[in-house]
Amino acid sequence: MHDRTHMLCRRKELIYMSKLTDFLKTLPNPKEFASFGVYEKSYNQLKDDHIFIIKEEGNDLIVVTGSSMKNFKGEKRTLNQLDYLIAQTDHDNINALRNLFPYMKPKPVLREKRSFGLGDRLGLAGEGHLKALLAYDAYPVLAQQSMRELTLTNRTYSDVLDAASLAVYKMGYKRGFGADGDHLKTEKDIKYALDTGFTMITLDTSDHIRNDVESLSIEQIDQEVNLTENDKKKYLNKTFNIQGHQISFTELELKKAILIYQDSIEYTTHIYHQFFKGNQGVDLELSIDETATKTELNHHLYIANELAEKGVHLTTIAPRFHGEFQKGIDYIGNTHIFQEELKVHVAIAEHYGYKLSIHSGSDKFSIFEIIGKETKGHFHVKTAGTNWLVAAHLVAIKDPLLYREIHQKALDTFEQAKKLYHVTTHIENIPAIDQLSDEELPKLFENNDARQLIHITYGYILNDKNNDGTYKFKDRLYHLWTQYSDLYATMLKEHIGKHLELLYKGF
C-alpha cells in the first residue's frame, strides 16, 4: 500500500511538473530551467504549490501556484489547466513571502564570530553582496541604512528590509542575515527601526561626546571636573591588566575621559534600559567613531567599565581608531600604530564580552589583513557607500554620456555634500571630464578624489529634478542598473570579495 501511494504521488508530481514546465516555456528565453527568466535558486515547493521569482522586462515578479495564491495580491491566470498568480514584488507580497519562508526575516547576527555590514543605498546590491559572501562564513548584515541615507535616497526602513529579503529569496540564501538601523541617535528613530523588524541598532552618541576637551587648559579641566572618591578608587593609582596589556590613568587622563564620554555613557545606559534590556532579538552596537576625538585606549576601558557597572551589555563597540577612515578610499595613517593600538582595543572588547566593530570599512585594503589577524577573525566590519561607487562605475562603463552628466552634478553640489561627510577631497586633483575620452572615464574610479566626489553626492544626483518635477537622473540610472543587473552583481562580487579575501587572509 505504501509503495502504491508513493507511486501515485510521484505520478501526480510528474504531471504537475510537466504542466509547470509547459508554463515555464512561455517565459522569456525558453532553453532550460535556469534560463526561462526564472531565478533558479528562488524556486520553492510547498506541498503541491510552486513559488518562484521571474525577471520579465527588467522587473522581478512573483509566480505562485496552488493554495498559496491566496496569500498574495496579483493577477490570476490559467495556462494548460494550470492556475497561477503573477504578483508584483511590493511590500505586501514580499511580506507574504517572508511569512511562508522564515529565512527571509532578519535575525541577530553580531553574536556570531564574524559579521560583515553591507549597506545598499539603491536596493539593488543584495545579489552581488550575497555572491561575494557565499565563499565565506561571515554573516551578512544586508539591510543597513542610516537616517541620513534614508533621507538622501527617499527610502524607508521597510524599503530597505524588503530589498534585502527579496535578494535572500532570489539567491536561496538560508544561512541568516541581519538588519541594522545604522547610526541612529534618537529614541524615535530607534523605535522606528525596531518596529520595522530590524535586528540591530547602531547607537550613535556623537552628539553626546565632547570634541573640545583637548583644546582646554589643565586649569579649565580642573574647574569642570571634580573627581569623586569612587572615581579615584576605581581608576587612580592602579594598573588594569587586560590580556597582558597594562592600562592606567593619570588624574588628567581620567578627568578628560569623564568630560568627553560621561554624557555618552549616561545616554547609552538610558537607551539600553529603554529598548534592549531583556530583548534577545536585537543586537546593540555603540558607535563612538564619528567624532573628532580619537578613542584613547584607557578611555575605551573607561567607557567599557562604566557601562558594565551600569548593567549595559553591548554586542559590539566601534571606536574612533588612530588614523583616518574616510569614505570610499583606503586607510590614511600609520599602519604600525593602528595595529599596535588595535591589539589593545580587541583585548578590552574581549575582556568586557563584546566584539569590536570597524566602521567606514569600505576600501580599507591596506589594513584588512591586520584587522583579520589582530581580531583573530572575530570582527564586525561595516561597509556602505562602496556599492554606490560600483554602481556609478558601471554607469561610466555602459553610458558615458549619462556619467558625464552625473559627474557634473557632483561637482556642482560637492560643497553642500561635504558638510554631511568627513572627507579631505581635493577637487583640483580630479581630471577635467571634458578632456577625457569615453574609454578613460572608468579610470576615474582609481582616483581617490574622484571616488569621494561621487561617493558623498549620491543624494543630490538621485534627487535632482527637471522643471516638470520628473527626475533628471534617477529613472535613467535605475533603468541602466536593472538592464545590467548581472554585470552589477559581478562587479560587486569582485569588489566586496577583495575586502573579504584580505580580512580572511589575516587569520
Protein backbone atom coordinates (compact mmCIF):
# COMPACT_ATOMS: atom_id res chain seq x y z
CA MET A 1 0.00 0.00 0.00
CA HIS A 2 2.81 2.37 0.88
CA ASP A 3 4.58 1.73 -2.46
CA ARG A 4 1.35 2.25 -4.40
CA THR A 5 0.64 5.53 -2.60
CA HIS A 6 4.20 6.66 -3.27
CA MET A 7 3.83 5.80 -6.98
CA LEU A 8 0.55 7.72 -7.24
CA CYS A 9 2.09 10.77 -5.52
CA ARG A 10 5.12 10.57 -7.78
CA ARG A 11 2.89 10.30 -10.88
CA LYS A 12 0.86 13.30 -9.71
CA GLU A 13 4.08 15.27 -9.16
CA LEU A 14 5.38 14.42 -12.64
CA ILE A 15 2.10 15.51 -14.26
CA TYR A 16 2.10 18.71 -12.26
CA MET A 17 5.74 19.44 -13.08
CA SER A 18 5.05 18.75 -16.74
CA LYS A 19 2.37 21.43 -16.65
CA LEU A 20 4.76 23.74 -14.85
CA THR A 21 7.41 23.08 -17.48
CA ASP A 22 4.92 24.00 -20.17
CA PHE A 23 4.22 27.17 -18.29
CA LEU A 24 7.92 27.97 -17.89
CA LYS A 25 8.40 27.58 -21.62
CA THR A 26 6.16 30.60 -22.12
CA LEU A 27 8.59 32.76 -20.19
CA PRO A 28 11.48 34.67 -21.82
CA ASN A 29 14.34 32.71 -23.40
CA PRO A 30 12.96 29.16 -23.10
CA LYS A 31 16.05 26.96 -23.21
CA GLU A 32 16.41 25.26 -19.87
CA PHE A 33 15.01 25.89 -16.40
CA ALA A 34 17.72 28.34 -15.37
CA SER A 35 17.19 30.47 -18.45
CA PHE A 36 13.41 30.65 -18.51
CA GLY A 37 13.63 34.05 -16.86
CA VAL A 38 13.45 32.23 -13.52
CA TYR A 39 15.83 32.88 -10.68
CA GLU A 40 16.64 29.21 -10.28
CA LYS A 41 17.52 29.39 -6.56
CA SER A 42 14.21 31.13 -5.85
CA TYR A 43 12.25 28.01 -6.76
CA ASN A 44 10.41 26.51 -3.80
CA GLN A 45 7.75 23.86 -3.50
CA LEU A 46 5.28 23.85 -0.59
CA LYS A 47 3.34 20.58 -0.84
CA ASP A 48 1.72 20.91 -4.28
CA ASP A 49 2.35 24.65 -4.57
CA HIS A 50 5.19 26.18 -6.56
CA ILE A 51 6.67 29.60 -5.84
CA PHE A 52 9.50 31.36 -7.64
CA ILE A 53 10.68 34.72 -9.00
CA ILE A 54 10.98 35.63 -12.65
CA LYS A 55 12.60 38.59 -14.35
CA GLU A 56 10.40 39.94 -17.11
CA GLU A 57 11.25 43.14 -18.96
CA GLY A 58 13.57 44.18 -16.18
CA ASN A 59 11.03 43.65 -13.41
CA ASP A 60 11.06 40.97 -10.75
CA LEU A 61 7.70 39.20 -10.48
CA ILE A 62 6.49 36.52 -8.07
CA VAL A 63 4.85 33.42 -9.57
CA VAL A 64 2.62 31.34 -7.29
CA THR A 65 0.54 28.22 -7.96
CA GLY A 66 -1.92 26.28 -5.82
CA SER A 67 -3.45 27.23 -2.50
CA SER A 68 -0.60 29.65 -1.68
CA MET A 69 -2.08 32.06 -4.22
CA LYS A 70 -4.50 33.29 -1.54
CA ASN A 71 -1.61 34.88 0.36
CA PHE A 72 -0.64 37.21 -2.49
CA LYS A 73 -2.15 40.13 -4.36
CA GLY A 74 -1.81 39.84 -8.13
CA GLU A 75 -3.27 38.75 -11.46
CA LYS A 76 -4.68 35.24 -11.64
CA ARG A 77 -4.07 33.39 -14.91
CA THR A 78 -4.61 29.92 -16.36
CA LEU A 79 -2.36 28.04 -18.77
CA ASN A 80 -2.94 24.42 -19.86
CA GLN A 81 -5.40 23.99 -16.99
CA LEU A 82 -2.74 25.24 -14.56
CA ASP A 83 -3.88 28.16 -12.40
CA TYR A 84 -1.18 30.56 -11.31
CA LEU A 85 -0.78 34.08 -10.00
CA ILE A 86 1.60 36.83 -11.10
CA ALA A 87 2.39 39.23 -8.26
CA GLN A 88 4.47 42.39 -8.03
CA THR A 89 7.42 42.46 -5.65
CA ASP A 90 5.80 45.14 -3.48
CA HIS A 91 5.81 45.31 0.30
CA ASP A 92 2.66 43.26 0.88
CA ASN A 93 3.76 40.45 -1.40
CA ILE A 94 7.31 40.35 -0.06
CA ASN A 95 5.80 40.20 3.42
CA ALA A 96 3.67 37.26 2.26
CA LEU A 97 6.86 35.53 1.11
CA ARG A 98 8.51 36.25 4.49
CA ASN A 99 5.58 34.61 6.27
CA LEU A 100 5.98 31.48 4.13
CA PHE A 101 9.78 31.37 4.25
CA PRO A 102 11.16 32.47 7.64
CA TYR A 103 14.76 32.61 6.37
CA MET A 104 13.73 35.85 4.64
CA LYS A 105 13.37 37.50 8.06
CA PRO A 106 16.47 39.10 9.61
CA LYS A 107 17.96 37.80 12.82
CA PRO A 108 20.63 38.96 15.29
CA VAL A 109 23.96 38.05 13.70
CA LEU A 110 26.53 40.17 15.56
CA ARG A 111 26.87 37.47 18.21
CA GLU A 112 28.35 35.22 15.57
CA LYS A 113 32.13 35.20 15.34
CA ARG A 114 32.31 37.11 12.07
CA SER A 115 29.83 39.56 10.57
CA PHE A 116 30.01 41.98 7.69
CA GLY A 117 27.85 45.05 7.15
CA LEU A 118 26.73 45.78 3.60
CA GLY A 119 24.77 48.97 3.19
CA ASP A 120 22.68 49.11 0.00
CA ARG A 121 21.61 52.67 -0.82
CA LEU A 122 19.89 51.68 -4.05
CA GLY A 123 18.13 48.44 -3.07
CA LEU A 124 19.89 46.66 -5.93
CA ALA A 125 23.09 45.33 -4.39
CA GLY A 126 21.79 42.32 -2.44
CA GLU A 127 22.51 39.67 -5.06
CA GLY A 128 26.06 40.88 -5.62
CA HIS A 129 26.68 41.10 -1.88
CA LEU A 130 25.45 37.56 -1.32
CA LYS A 131 27.50 36.21 -4.21
CA ALA A 132 30.59 37.70 -2.53
CA LEU A 133 29.65 36.17 0.85
CA LEU A 134 28.97 32.65 -0.43
CA ALA A 135 32.63 31.68 -0.17
CA TYR A 136 32.93 32.90 3.44
CA ASP A 137 31.37 32.11 6.80
CA ALA A 138 30.81 35.72 7.88
CA TYR A 139 27.17 36.59 8.49
CA PRO A 140 25.94 39.48 6.33
CA VAL A 141 24.05 42.50 7.59
CA LEU A 142 22.22 43.16 4.33
CA ALA A 143 19.73 45.78 5.47
CA GLN A 144 21.91 48.61 6.80
CA GLN A 145 20.93 52.26 6.49
CA SER A 146 21.23 55.45 8.49
CA MET A 147 18.53 58.09 8.72
CA ARG A 148 20.79 60.34 6.67
CA GLU A 149 20.89 57.76 3.88
CA LEU A 150 17.11 57.22 4.03
CA THR A 151 16.56 60.95 3.68
CA LEU A 152 19.01 61.33 0.79
CA THR A 153 17.56 58.36 -1.12
CA ASN A 154 13.86 58.91 -0.25
CA ARG A 155 13.55 55.38 1.09
CA THR A 156 12.02 53.86 4.22
CA TYR A 157 13.22 51.11 6.53
CA SER A 158 10.52 48.89 5.02
CA ASP A 159 12.03 49.53 1.57
CA VAL A 160 15.49 48.60 2.84
CA LEU A 161 14.34 45.42 4.56
CA ASP A 162 12.17 44.36 1.62
CA ALA A 163 15.10 44.70 -0.81
CA ALA A 164 17.30 42.57 1.46
CA SER A 165 14.60 39.91 1.97
CA LEU A 166 13.92 39.69 -1.76
CA ALA A 167 17.63 39.26 -2.54
CA VAL A 168 17.83 36.48 0.06
CA TYR A 169 14.86 34.71 -1.51
CA LYS A 170 16.11 35.08 -5.09
CA MET A 171 19.52 33.73 -4.10
CA GLY A 172 18.12 30.93 -1.91
CA TYR A 173 20.33 32.20 0.93
CA LYS A 174 19.11 30.44 4.08
CA ARG A 175 22.03 30.96 6.47
CA GLY A 176 20.64 34.13 8.04
CA PHE A 177 21.22 37.86 7.74
CA GLY A 178 20.96 40.94 9.94
CA ALA A 179 19.23 44.30 9.61
CA ASP A 180 20.94 47.39 11.06
CA GLY A 181 19.34 50.72 11.93
CA ASP A 182 22.66 52.42 11.36
CA HIS A 183 23.97 55.43 13.29
CA LEU A 184 20.67 56.22 14.99
CA LYS A 185 20.67 58.98 17.58
CA THR A 186 17.11 59.36 18.88
CA GLU A 187 14.55 57.20 20.65
CA LYS A 188 12.09 57.93 17.84
CA ASP A 189 14.41 56.59 15.15
CA ILE A 190 15.37 53.53 17.22
CA LYS A 191 11.71 52.68 17.77
CA TYR A 192 11.05 53.15 14.04
CA ALA A 193 13.77 50.65 13.09
CA LEU A 194 12.77 48.11 15.74
CA ASP A 195 9.08 48.34 14.84
CA THR A 196 10.03 47.66 11.19
CA GLY A 197 11.74 44.43 12.24
CA PHE A 198 15.40 45.44 12.34
CA THR A 199 17.57 43.17 14.47
CA MET A 200 20.46 45.53 15.18
CA ILE A 201 20.74 49.13 16.24
CA THR A 202 23.93 51.15 15.89
CA LEU A 203 23.58 53.80 18.58
CA ASP A 204 25.48 56.92 17.53
CA THR A 205 26.27 59.01 20.60
CA SER A 206 28.40 61.59 18.80
CA ASP A 207 26.03 64.37 19.90
CA HIS A 208 26.88 63.42 23.50
CA ILE A 209 30.66 63.35 23.06
CA ARG A 210 32.72 66.49 23.62
CA ASN A 211 35.29 67.32 20.97
CA ASP A 212 36.75 70.40 22.65
CA VAL A 213 38.45 68.81 25.65
CA GLU A 214 41.91 68.51 24.10
CA SER A 215 41.89 72.27 23.50
CA LEU A 216 41.14 73.06 27.16
CA SER A 217 43.87 74.04 29.58
CA ILE A 218 44.57 71.97 32.69
CA GLU A 219 43.03 74.76 34.76
CA GLN A 220 39.85 74.70 32.69
CA ILE A 221 39.60 70.92 33.02
CA ASP A 222 40.12 71.12 36.78
CA GLN A 223 37.33 73.69 37.01
CA GLU A 224 34.90 71.43 35.15
CA VAL A 225 35.66 68.09 36.83
CA ASN A 226 35.86 67.20 40.49
CA LEU A 227 36.80 63.56 40.84
CA THR A 228 34.67 61.64 43.32
CA GLU A 229 36.26 59.28 45.80
CA ASN A 230 34.70 56.45 43.86
CA ASP A 231 36.34 57.70 40.63
CA LYS A 232 39.72 57.80 42.33
CA LYS A 233 39.27 54.39 43.92
CA LYS A 234 38.31 52.75 40.63
CA TYR A 235 40.88 54.27 38.31
CA LEU A 236 43.79 56.06 40.00
CA ASN A 237 46.95 54.50 41.38
CA LYS A 238 46.17 51.16 39.81
CA THR A 239 47.01 49.29 36.63
CA PHE A 240 44.48 47.25 34.67
CA ASN A 241 46.00 44.08 33.23
CA ILE A 242 43.94 43.34 30.13
CA GLN A 243 45.26 40.17 28.48
CA GLY A 244 48.83 41.24 29.20
CA HIS A 245 48.29 44.88 28.22
CA GLN A 246 48.91 47.35 31.06
CA ILE A 247 46.43 50.23 31.12
CA SER A 248 46.44 53.03 33.67
CA PHE A 249 45.18 56.57 34.21
CA THR A 250 46.77 59.79 35.33
CA GLU A 251 44.46 62.19 37.10
CA LEU A 252 44.35 64.38 33.98
CA GLU A 253 43.56 61.42 31.68
CA LEU A 254 40.71 60.33 33.94
CA LYS A 255 39.25 63.84 34.03
CA LYS A 256 39.42 64.01 30.24
CA ALA A 257 37.66 60.65 29.93
CA ILE A 258 34.86 61.87 32.18
CA LEU A 259 34.48 65.16 30.33
CA ILE A 260 34.47 63.56 26.89
CA TYR A 261 32.35 60.47 27.48
CA GLN A 262 30.24 60.80 30.63
CA ASP A 263 27.19 62.16 28.81
CA SER A 264 27.55 59.46 26.13
CA ILE A 265 27.70 56.76 28.80
CA GLU A 266 24.57 58.09 30.52
CA TYR A 267 22.67 58.28 27.22
CA THR A 268 23.75 54.78 26.22
CA THR A 269 22.59 53.46 29.58
CA HIS A 270 19.20 55.11 29.15
CA ILE A 271 18.74 53.73 25.63
CA TYR A 272 19.82 50.24 26.68
CA HIS A 273 17.32 50.02 29.53
CA GLN A 274 14.60 51.56 27.37
CA PHE A 275 14.91 49.22 24.38
CA PHE A 276 17.42 46.40 24.83
CA LYS A 277 17.45 45.02 28.36
CA GLY A 278 15.94 41.55 28.20
CA ASN A 279 15.44 41.77 24.42
CA GLN A 280 17.39 38.85 22.98
CA GLY A 281 16.13 39.51 19.46
CA VAL A 282 18.18 42.65 18.92
CA ASP A 283 21.89 43.48 18.92
CA LEU A 284 23.17 46.79 20.28
CA GLU A 285 26.25 48.38 18.77
CA LEU A 286 27.73 51.53 20.31
CA SER A 287 29.26 53.95 17.82
CA ILE A 288 31.78 56.44 19.20
CA ASP A 289 33.68 56.71 15.93
CA GLU A 290 32.03 59.62 14.12
CA THR A 291 33.71 62.29 16.22
CA ALA A 292 36.82 64.41 16.00
CA THR A 293 38.05 62.75 19.18
CA LYS A 294 40.21 59.65 18.89
CA THR A 295 39.27 56.87 21.32
CA GLU A 296 42.31 56.56 23.57
CA LEU A 297 43.00 53.07 24.91
CA ASN A 298 42.36 53.98 28.54
CA HIS A 299 39.26 55.91 27.50
CA HIS A 300 37.93 52.78 25.78
CA LEU A 301 38.48 50.89 29.03
CA TYR A 302 36.73 53.64 31.00
CA ILE A 303 33.67 53.51 28.72
CA ALA A 304 33.51 49.70 28.83
CA ASN A 305 33.93 49.56 32.61
CA GLU A 306 31.36 52.25 33.34
CA LEU A 307 28.77 50.65 31.06
CA ALA A 308 29.40 47.21 32.58
CA GLU A 309 28.85 48.63 36.06
CA LYS A 310 25.56 50.11 34.88
CA GLY A 311 24.38 46.74 33.58
CA VAL A 312 24.72 47.62 29.89
CA HIS A 313 25.53 44.63 27.67
CA LEU A 314 26.86 45.64 24.28
CA THR A 315 27.20 43.32 21.32
CA THR A 316 29.82 45.49 19.63
CA ILE A 317 31.52 48.84 20.01
CA ALA A 318 33.04 50.96 17.22
CA PRO A 319 35.90 53.15 18.49
CA ARG A 320 37.49 56.08 16.69
CA PHE A 321 40.80 54.47 15.73
CA HIS A 322 44.17 56.02 15.02
CA GLY A 323 44.35 57.47 11.51
CA GLU A 324 41.67 58.45 9.03
CA PHE A 325 38.76 56.21 7.99
CA GLN A 326 37.37 58.36 5.22
CA LYS A 327 34.60 57.34 2.85
CA GLY A 328 35.37 55.25 -0.22
CA ILE A 329 39.17 55.28 -0.02
CA ASP A 330 41.96 53.38 1.70
CA TYR A 331 43.12 53.96 5.26
CA ILE A 332 45.15 57.12 5.86
CA GLY A 333 47.69 56.87 8.65
CA ASN A 334 50.48 54.85 10.22
CA THR A 335 49.52 51.19 9.88
CA HIS A 336 52.01 50.13 12.57
CA ILE A 337 50.44 52.42 15.17
CA PHE A 338 46.98 51.28 14.09
CA GLN A 339 47.98 47.64 14.50
CA GLU A 340 49.54 48.10 17.94
CA GLU A 341 46.53 50.01 19.26
CA LEU A 342 44.07 47.60 17.61
CA LYS A 343 45.58 44.76 19.68
CA VAL A 344 44.64 46.58 22.88
CA HIS A 345 41.19 47.62 21.65
CA VAL A 346 40.50 43.97 20.83
CA ALA A 347 41.71 42.87 24.27
CA ILE A 348 39.42 45.39 26.01
CA ALA A 349 36.45 44.26 23.93
CA GLU A 350 37.11 40.60 24.70
CA HIS A 351 37.59 41.33 28.40
CA TYR A 352 34.20 43.02 28.64
CA GLY A 353 32.41 40.48 26.48
CA TYR A 354 31.68 42.22 23.20
CA LYS A 355 33.02 42.23 19.65
CA LEU A 356 35.00 45.05 18.09
CA SER A 357 33.43 46.85 15.15
CA ILE A 358 35.29 48.69 12.40
CA HIS A 359 33.22 51.41 10.75
CA SER A 360 33.76 53.16 7.40
CA GLY A 361 35.41 49.91 6.38
CA SER A 362 34.84 50.33 2.65
CA ASP A 363 38.04 50.04 0.62
CA LYS A 364 40.46 49.96 3.59
CA PHE A 365 42.62 47.44 1.76
CA SER A 366 45.91 48.27 3.46
CA ILE A 367 44.62 47.26 6.91
CA PHE A 368 42.13 44.44 6.28
CA GLU A 369 44.75 41.76 6.81
CA ILE A 370 45.78 43.48 10.05
CA ILE A 371 42.16 43.55 11.24
CA GLY A 372 41.72 39.87 10.47
CA LYS A 373 44.94 38.98 12.28
CA GLU A 374 44.57 41.08 15.42
CA THR A 375 40.88 40.29 15.94
CA LYS A 376 41.68 36.60 15.36
CA GLY A 377 38.81 36.57 12.91
CA HIS A 378 36.35 37.86 15.49
CA PHE A 379 35.04 41.07 13.93
CA HIS A 380 32.26 43.18 12.53
CA VAL A 381 33.36 45.26 9.55
CA LYS A 382 30.90 47.78 8.16
CA THR A 383 30.82 48.95 4.53
CA ALA A 384 28.27 51.21 2.90
CA GLY A 385 28.76 53.64 0.05
CA THR A 386 31.18 51.49 -1.88
CA ASN A 387 28.23 49.68 -3.53
CA TRP A 388 27.05 53.08 -4.83
CA LEU A 389 30.53 53.70 -6.23
CA VAL A 390 30.43 50.37 -8.04
CA ALA A 391 27.04 51.35 -9.47
CA ALA A 392 28.43 54.70 -10.64
CA HIS A 393 31.45 52.90 -12.10
CA LEU A 394 29.05 50.74 -14.12
CA VAL A 395 27.41 53.91 -15.48
CA ALA A 396 30.80 55.19 -16.63
CA ILE A 397 31.37 51.91 -18.48
CA LYS A 398 27.95 51.48 -20.10
CA ASP A 399 26.61 55.02 -20.57
CA PRO A 400 29.46 57.55 -20.72
CA LEU A 401 27.15 60.43 -21.61
CA LEU A 402 24.96 59.82 -18.56
CA TYR A 403 28.03 59.52 -16.38
CA ARG A 404 29.31 62.89 -17.63
CA GLU A 405 26.01 64.43 -16.54
CA ILE A 406 26.07 62.99 -13.02
CA HIS A 407 29.76 63.84 -12.63
CA GLN A 408 28.98 67.48 -13.36
CA LYS A 409 26.10 67.38 -10.89
CA ALA A 410 28.51 66.01 -8.29
CA LEU A 411 30.92 68.89 -8.93
CA ASP A 412 28.09 71.42 -8.66
CA THR A 413 26.89 70.08 -5.29
CA PHE A 414 30.14 68.95 -3.69
CA GLU A 415 30.44 71.92 -1.32
CA GLN A 416 26.96 71.19 0.05
CA ALA A 417 27.55 67.46 0.30
CA LYS A 418 30.82 67.65 2.21
CA LYS A 419 29.00 69.31 5.12
CA LEU A 420 27.50 65.87 5.76
CA TYR A 421 30.67 63.77 5.45
CA HIS A 422 34.25 63.96 6.67
CA VAL A 423 36.43 63.91 3.55
CA THR A 424 39.64 65.65 2.50
CA THR A 425 38.86 65.69 -1.21
CA HIS A 426 41.00 67.83 -3.50
CA ILE A 427 38.82 68.69 -6.47
CA GLU A 428 41.81 70.06 -8.36
CA ASN A 429 43.26 66.52 -8.48
CA ILE A 430 40.32 65.22 -10.50
CA PRO A 431 40.95 65.26 -14.27
CA ALA A 432 38.70 67.61 -16.21
CA ILE A 433 35.99 65.33 -17.52
CA ASP A 434 35.67 67.14 -20.87
CA GLN A 435 39.30 66.25 -21.54
CA LEU A 436 38.72 62.52 -21.04
CA SER A 437 37.58 60.10 -23.71
CA ASP A 438 34.67 57.75 -23.01
CA GLU A 439 37.15 54.90 -22.61
CA GLU A 440 39.04 56.85 -19.94
CA LEU A 441 36.01 57.60 -17.74
CA PRO A 442 36.09 54.29 -15.75
CA LYS A 443 39.66 55.09 -14.70
CA LEU A 444 38.27 57.95 -12.58
CA PHE A 445 37.31 55.31 -10.02
CA GLU A 446 41.00 54.69 -9.41
CA ASN A 447 41.35 58.33 -8.34
CA ASN A 448 40.66 58.85 -4.61
CA ASP A 449 39.43 62.40 -5.04
CA ALA A 450 37.04 61.40 -7.83
CA ARG A 451 35.77 58.48 -5.72
CA GLN A 452 34.98 60.76 -2.79
CA LEU A 453 33.35 63.32 -5.08
CA ILE A 454 30.88 60.72 -6.36
CA HIS A 455 30.62 58.93 -3.00
CA ILE A 456 29.16 61.81 -0.99
CA THR A 457 26.96 63.43 -3.67
CA TYR A 458 24.65 60.47 -4.31
CA GLY A 459 21.65 62.15 -2.68
CA TYR A 460 21.92 65.24 -4.89
CA ILE A 461 22.30 63.07 -8.00
CA LEU A 462 19.35 60.80 -7.21
CA ASN A 463 17.03 63.64 -6.15
CA ASP A 464 17.77 66.16 -8.91
CA LYS A 465 14.58 67.04 -10.81
CA ASN A 466 13.59 68.75 -14.03
CA ASN A 467 11.30 71.76 -14.10
CA ASP A 468 8.30 69.49 -14.64
CA GLY A 469 9.03 67.54 -11.44
CA THR A 470 10.42 64.43 -13.11
CA TYR A 471 13.76 63.04 -12.01
CA LYS A 472 16.68 64.22 -14.06
CA PHE A 473 18.88 61.18 -13.49
CA LYS A 474 17.20 58.68 -11.15
CA ASP A 475 14.91 56.88 -13.58
CA ARG A 476 17.59 56.64 -16.27
CA LEU A 477 20.09 55.32 -13.72
CA TYR A 478 17.75 52.65 -12.37
CA HIS A 479 16.85 51.58 -15.89
CA LEU A 480 20.54 51.15 -16.68
CA TRP A 481 21.32 49.30 -13.45
CA THR A 482 18.36 46.99 -13.99
CA GLN A 483 19.40 46.36 -17.58
CA TYR A 484 22.90 45.41 -16.45
CA SER A 485 21.95 43.79 -13.14
CA ASP A 486 24.10 40.73 -13.81
CA LEU A 487 27.14 42.89 -14.50
CA TYR A 488 26.47 44.96 -11.38
CA ALA A 489 26.31 41.77 -9.29
CA THR A 490 29.55 40.53 -10.82
CA MET A 491 31.33 43.83 -10.16
CA LEU A 492 30.09 43.85 -6.56
CA LYS A 493 31.14 40.25 -6.04
CA GLU A 494 34.65 41.13 -7.16
CA HIS A 495 34.89 44.37 -5.17
CA ILE A 496 33.39 43.15 -1.89
CA GLY A 497 35.19 39.85 -2.37
CA LYS A 498 38.50 41.72 -2.28
CA HIS A 499 37.54 43.09 1.16
CA LEU A 500 36.73 39.63 2.48
CA GLU A 501 39.72 37.92 0.92
CA LEU A 502 42.13 40.26 2.72
CA LEU A 503 40.24 40.06 6.03
CA TYR A 504 40.34 36.27 5.96
CA LYS A 505 43.98 36.23 4.90
CA GLY A 506 44.85 37.66 8.31
CA PHE A 507 43.73 34.64 10.37
